[in-house]
Amino acid sequence: MAVLLKAAPISVSLQFKDGDETVIYHEASGSIHLINELGVKILNALSERPLTLNELLDAVHAREINTFESVRQFLKIGVEEGFIEEISENETK
């Protein structure tokens, strides 16, 4: 059974862009995060529907080793901070 990833609901009451960085506010935890352009792409992809890691990598065009590592790190932090959730395939049915 594959693990799927999905974006938790995020309230963006403040959106500040400085170069390629965006500030997001995660309402459930009350935390604020500064994310780069890749992070925005990841959250947008996971907001549309739950994806496996491979589907996410394809969606954000992250098959290069450096980009893959950045995606992996972002997902790890996102899960720890609660703005990305891991779910099983059964939860989507």
N, C-alpha and C. Protein backbone atom coordinates (compact mmCIF):
# COMPACT_ATOMS: atom_id res chain seq x y z
N MET A 1 0.85 -1.17 0.00
CA MET A 1 0.00 0.00 0.00
C MET A 1 0.90 1.24 0.00
N ALA A 2 0.67 2.14 -0.92
CA ALA A 2 1.48 3.34 -1.05
C ALA A 2 1.03 4.40 -0.06
N VAL A 3 1.99 5.16 0.41
CA VAL A 3 1.69 6.31 1.25
C VAL A 3 1.47 7.50 0.32
N LEU A 4 0.41 8.22 0.57
CA LEU A 4 0.11 9.42 -0.21
C LEU A 4 0.40 10.65 0.64
N LEU A 5 0.71 11.72 -0.01
CA LEU A 5 0.96 12.99 0.67
C LEU A 5 -0.11 13.97 0.26
N LYS A 6 -0.55 14.81 1.20
CA LYS A 6 -1.50 15.85 0.86
C LYS A 6 -1.19 17.08 1.70
N ALA A 7 -1.56 18.22 1.20
CA ALA A 7 -1.36 19.46 1.93
C ALA A 7 -2.48 19.64 2.93
N ALA A 8 -2.11 19.97 4.15
CA ALA A 8 -3.11 20.31 5.15
C ALA A 8 -3.68 21.68 4.80
N PRO A 9 -4.88 21.98 5.25
CA PRO A 9 -5.43 23.32 4.97
C PRO A 9 -4.51 24.41 5.53
N ILE A 10 -4.18 25.34 4.68
CA ILE A 10 -3.30 26.44 5.07
C ILE A 10 -4.03 27.74 4.80
N SER A 11 -4.06 28.57 5.80
CA SER A 11 -4.66 29.88 5.63
C SER A 11 -3.54 30.85 5.28
N VAL A 12 -3.64 31.45 4.14
CA VAL A 12 -2.63 32.42 3.75
C VAL A 12 -3.23 33.80 3.95
N SER A 13 -3.17 34.26 5.20
CA SER A 13 -3.70 35.58 5.49
C SER A 13 -2.62 36.63 5.22
N LEU A 14 -1.40 36.17 5.12
CA LEU A 14 -0.30 37.07 4.83
C LEU A 14 0.53 36.41 3.75
N GLN A 15 0.69 37.07 2.67
CA GLN A 15 1.53 36.53 1.61
C GLN A 15 2.53 37.61 1.24
N PHE A 16 3.76 37.36 1.57
CA PHE A 16 4.82 38.31 1.32
C PHE A 16 5.85 37.63 0.43
N LYS A 17 6.14 38.23 -0.67
CA LYS A 17 7.12 37.67 -1.59
C LYS A 17 8.37 38.53 -1.58
N ASP A 18 9.49 37.87 -1.40
CA ASP A 18 10.79 38.54 -1.47
C ASP A 18 11.65 37.66 -2.35
N GLY A 19 11.78 38.02 -3.60
CA GLY A 19 12.47 37.14 -4.53
C GLY A 19 11.59 35.95 -4.82
N ASP A 20 12.09 34.75 -4.52
CA ASP A 20 11.29 33.55 -4.75
C ASP A 20 10.78 32.94 -3.45
N GLU A 21 10.74 33.71 -2.37
CA GLU A 21 10.26 33.20 -1.09
C GLU A 21 8.88 33.76 -0.76
N THR A 22 8.05 32.93 -0.16
CA THR A 22 6.69 33.29 0.20
C THR A 22 6.46 32.94 1.67
N VAL A 23 5.76 33.78 2.38
CA VAL A 23 5.40 33.52 3.77
C VAL A 23 4.01 32.90 3.77
N ILE A 24 3.86 31.78 4.49
CA ILE A 24 2.54 31.16 4.65
C ILE A 24 2.22 31.05 6.14
N TYR A 25 0.96 31.09 6.45
CA TYR A 25 0.48 30.94 7.83
C TYR A 25 -0.33 29.66 7.92
N HIS A 26 0.13 28.72 8.76
CA HIS A 26 -0.59 27.46 8.97
C HIS A 26 -1.52 27.66 10.16
N GLU A 27 -2.78 27.82 9.86
CA GLU A 27 -3.77 28.19 10.86
C GLU A 27 -3.88 27.18 12.00
N ALA A 28 -3.85 25.90 11.69
CA ALA A 28 -4.04 24.86 12.72
C ALA A 28 -2.97 24.93 13.81
N SER A 29 -1.74 25.22 13.44
CA SER A 29 -0.66 25.26 14.42
C SER A 29 -0.31 26.68 14.85
N GLY A 30 -0.80 27.66 14.09
CA GLY A 30 -0.46 29.04 14.38
C GLY A 30 0.96 29.40 13.97
N SER A 31 1.56 28.57 13.12
CA SER A 31 2.95 28.81 12.74
C SER A 31 3.05 29.50 11.38
N ILE A 32 4.13 30.23 11.23
CA ILE A 32 4.42 30.95 10.00
C ILE A 32 5.67 30.32 9.39
N HIS A 33 5.64 30.13 8.08
CA HIS A 33 6.76 29.49 7.38
C HIS A 33 7.17 30.32 6.17
N LEU A 34 8.45 30.40 5.96
CA LEU A 34 9.01 31.05 4.78
C LEU A 34 9.40 29.94 3.81
N ILE A 35 8.75 29.90 2.66
CA ILE A 35 9.02 28.82 1.71
C ILE A 35 9.47 29.38 0.37
N ASN A 36 10.26 28.59 -0.32
CA ASN A 36 10.77 29.03 -1.62
C ASN A 36 9.80 28.61 -2.74
N GLU A 37 10.18 28.92 -3.95
CA GLU A 37 9.32 28.65 -5.11
C GLU A 37 9.00 27.16 -5.24
N LEU A 38 9.97 26.29 -4.98
CA LEU A 38 9.73 24.85 -5.04
C LEU A 38 8.70 24.44 -3.99
N GLY A 39 8.79 25.00 -2.80
CA GLY A 39 7.81 24.71 -1.75
C GLY A 39 6.41 25.10 -2.15
N VAL A 40 6.28 26.24 -2.81
CA VAL A 40 4.96 26.69 -3.30
C VAL A 40 4.43 25.69 -4.32
N LYS A 41 5.29 25.24 -5.24
CA LYS A 41 4.86 24.25 -6.24
C LYS A 41 4.41 22.95 -5.57
N ILE A 42 5.15 22.52 -4.56
CA ILE A 42 4.80 21.28 -3.85
C ILE A 42 3.43 21.43 -3.19
N LEU A 43 3.23 22.52 -2.45
CA LEU A 43 1.95 22.72 -1.76
C LEU A 43 0.80 22.86 -2.74
N ASN A 44 1.02 23.53 -3.85
CA ASN A 44 -0.03 23.65 -4.86
C ASN A 44 -0.40 22.28 -5.42
N ALA A 45 0.62 21.46 -5.73
CA ALA A 45 0.35 20.11 -6.27
C ALA A 45 -0.39 19.26 -5.26
N LEU A 46 0.02 19.32 -3.98
CA LEU A 46 -0.62 18.49 -2.95
C LEU A 46 -1.99 19.02 -2.54
N SER A 47 -2.28 20.27 -2.87
CA SER A 47 -3.60 20.84 -2.57
C SER A 47 -4.64 20.35 -3.57
N GLU A 48 -4.20 20.00 -4.78
CA GLU A 48 -5.13 19.53 -5.81
C GLU A 48 -5.67 18.15 -5.49
N ARG A 49 -4.77 17.25 -5.08
CA ARG A 49 -5.17 15.88 -4.70
C ARG A 49 -3.98 15.21 -4.03
N PRO A 50 -4.23 14.18 -3.22
CA PRO A 50 -3.11 13.44 -2.62
C PRO A 50 -2.26 12.77 -3.71
N LEU A 51 -0.95 12.78 -3.50
CA LEU A 51 -0.02 12.21 -4.48
C LEU A 51 0.99 11.30 -3.79
N THR A 52 1.44 10.29 -4.52
CA THR A 52 2.58 9.52 -4.05
C THR A 52 3.83 10.38 -4.24
N LEU A 53 4.93 9.96 -3.65
CA LEU A 53 6.18 10.70 -3.83
C LEU A 53 6.55 10.79 -5.31
N ASN A 54 6.45 9.69 -6.02
CA ASN A 54 6.80 9.70 -7.45
C ASN A 54 5.89 10.62 -8.25
N GLU A 55 4.60 10.62 -7.95
CA GLU A 55 3.68 11.52 -8.64
C GLU A 55 4.02 12.98 -8.34
N LEU A 56 4.38 13.24 -7.09
CA LEU A 56 4.76 14.60 -6.71
C LEU A 56 6.03 15.04 -7.44
N LEU A 57 7.02 14.15 -7.50
CA LEU A 57 8.26 14.49 -8.20
C LEU A 57 7.99 14.83 -9.66
N ASP A 58 7.10 14.07 -10.29
CA ASP A 58 6.72 14.38 -11.68
C ASP A 58 5.98 15.71 -11.77
N ALA A 59 5.08 15.96 -10.82
CA ALA A 59 4.27 17.18 -10.86
C ALA A 59 5.10 18.45 -10.73
N VAL A 60 6.18 18.37 -9.94
CA VAL A 60 7.02 19.57 -9.73
C VAL A 60 8.33 19.49 -10.51
N HIS A 61 8.41 18.50 -11.41
CA HIS A 61 9.59 18.34 -12.27
C HIS A 61 10.87 18.29 -11.45
N ALA A 62 10.91 17.35 -10.49
CA ALA A 62 12.02 17.29 -9.54
C ALA A 62 12.77 15.96 -9.61
N ARG A 63 13.16 15.55 -10.78
CA ARG A 63 13.86 14.28 -10.93
C ARG A 63 15.38 14.41 -10.82
N GLU A 64 15.91 15.63 -10.79
CA GLU A 64 17.35 15.80 -10.62
C GLU A 64 17.70 15.56 -9.16
N ILE A 65 18.89 15.04 -8.88
CA ILE A 65 19.27 14.65 -7.52
C ILE A 65 19.21 15.82 -6.54
N ASN A 66 19.68 17.00 -6.94
CA ASN A 66 19.65 18.15 -6.02
C ASN A 66 18.23 18.58 -5.72
N THR A 67 17.39 18.58 -6.73
CA THR A 67 16.00 18.98 -6.53
C THR A 67 15.25 17.91 -5.71
N PHE A 68 15.55 16.64 -5.97
CA PHE A 68 14.92 15.56 -5.21
C PHE A 68 15.22 15.73 -3.72
N GLU A 69 16.46 16.02 -3.39
CA GLU A 69 16.84 16.20 -1.98
C GLU A 69 16.10 17.39 -1.37
N SER A 70 15.93 18.45 -2.13
CA SER A 70 15.19 19.61 -1.64
C SER A 70 13.73 19.26 -1.38
N VAL A 71 13.13 18.47 -2.27
CA VAL A 71 11.75 18.02 -2.09
C VAL A 71 11.66 17.15 -0.83
N ARG A 72 12.58 16.23 -0.69
CA ARG A 72 12.59 15.32 0.47
C ARG A 72 12.67 16.12 1.78
N GLN A 73 13.56 17.10 1.83
CA GLN A 73 13.71 17.93 3.02
C GLN A 73 12.44 18.74 3.30
N PHE A 74 11.86 19.32 2.25
CA PHE A 74 10.63 20.09 2.42
C PHE A 74 9.50 19.22 2.95
N LEU A 75 9.37 18.01 2.42
CA LEU A 75 8.32 17.09 2.88
C LEU A 75 8.54 16.70 4.34
N LYS A 76 9.78 16.44 4.70
CA LYS A 76 10.10 16.06 6.09
C LYS A 76 9.69 17.17 7.04
N ILE A 77 10.07 18.39 6.73
CA ILE A 77 9.71 19.53 7.57
C ILE A 77 8.20 19.75 7.55
N GLY A 78 7.58 19.64 6.37
CA GLY A 78 6.14 19.84 6.26
C GLY A 78 5.35 18.86 7.11
N VAL A 79 5.78 17.59 7.12
CA VAL A 79 5.10 16.58 7.94
C VAL A 79 5.33 16.88 9.42
N GLU A 80 6.57 17.21 9.79
CA GLU A 80 6.87 17.53 11.19
C GLU A 80 6.08 18.73 11.68
N GLU A 81 5.93 19.74 10.83
CA GLU A 81 5.24 20.98 11.21
C GLU A 81 3.73 20.89 11.04
N GLY A 82 3.25 19.86 10.32
CA GLY A 82 1.81 19.63 10.21
C GLY A 82 1.14 20.25 9.00
N PHE A 83 1.91 20.87 8.09
CA PHE A 83 1.23 21.43 6.92
C PHE A 83 1.25 20.50 5.73
N ILE A 84 1.86 19.32 5.89
CA ILE A 84 1.75 18.22 4.93
C ILE A 84 1.39 16.98 5.72
N GLU A 85 0.46 16.20 5.22
CA GLU A 85 0.01 14.99 5.90
C GLU A 85 0.30 13.76 5.07
N GLU A 86 0.68 12.68 5.75
CA GLU A 86 0.83 11.38 5.09
C GLU A 86 -0.45 10.60 5.35
N ILE A 87 -1.03 10.05 4.30
CA ILE A 87 -2.26 9.27 4.43
C ILE A 87 -2.09 7.97 3.65
N SER A 88 -2.91 6.99 3.96
CA SER A 88 -2.89 5.73 3.20
C SER A 88 -3.89 5.83 2.07
N GLU A 89 -3.71 4.97 1.07
CA GLU A 89 -4.63 4.97 -0.08
C GLU A 89 -6.06 4.74 0.36
N ASN A 90 -6.26 3.96 1.42
CA ASN A 90 -7.61 3.66 1.90
C ASN A 90 -8.35 4.91 2.37
N GLU A 91 -7.60 5.90 2.86
CA GLU A 91 -8.23 7.12 3.37
C GLU A 91 -8.78 8.00 2.25
N THR A 92 -8.39 7.75 1.00
CA THR A 92 -8.87 8.58 -0.09
C THR A 92 -10.11 8.00 -0.74
N LYS A 93 -10.49 6.80 -0.36
CA LYS A 93 -11.64 6.14 -0.99
C LYS A 93 -12.90 6.38 -0.22
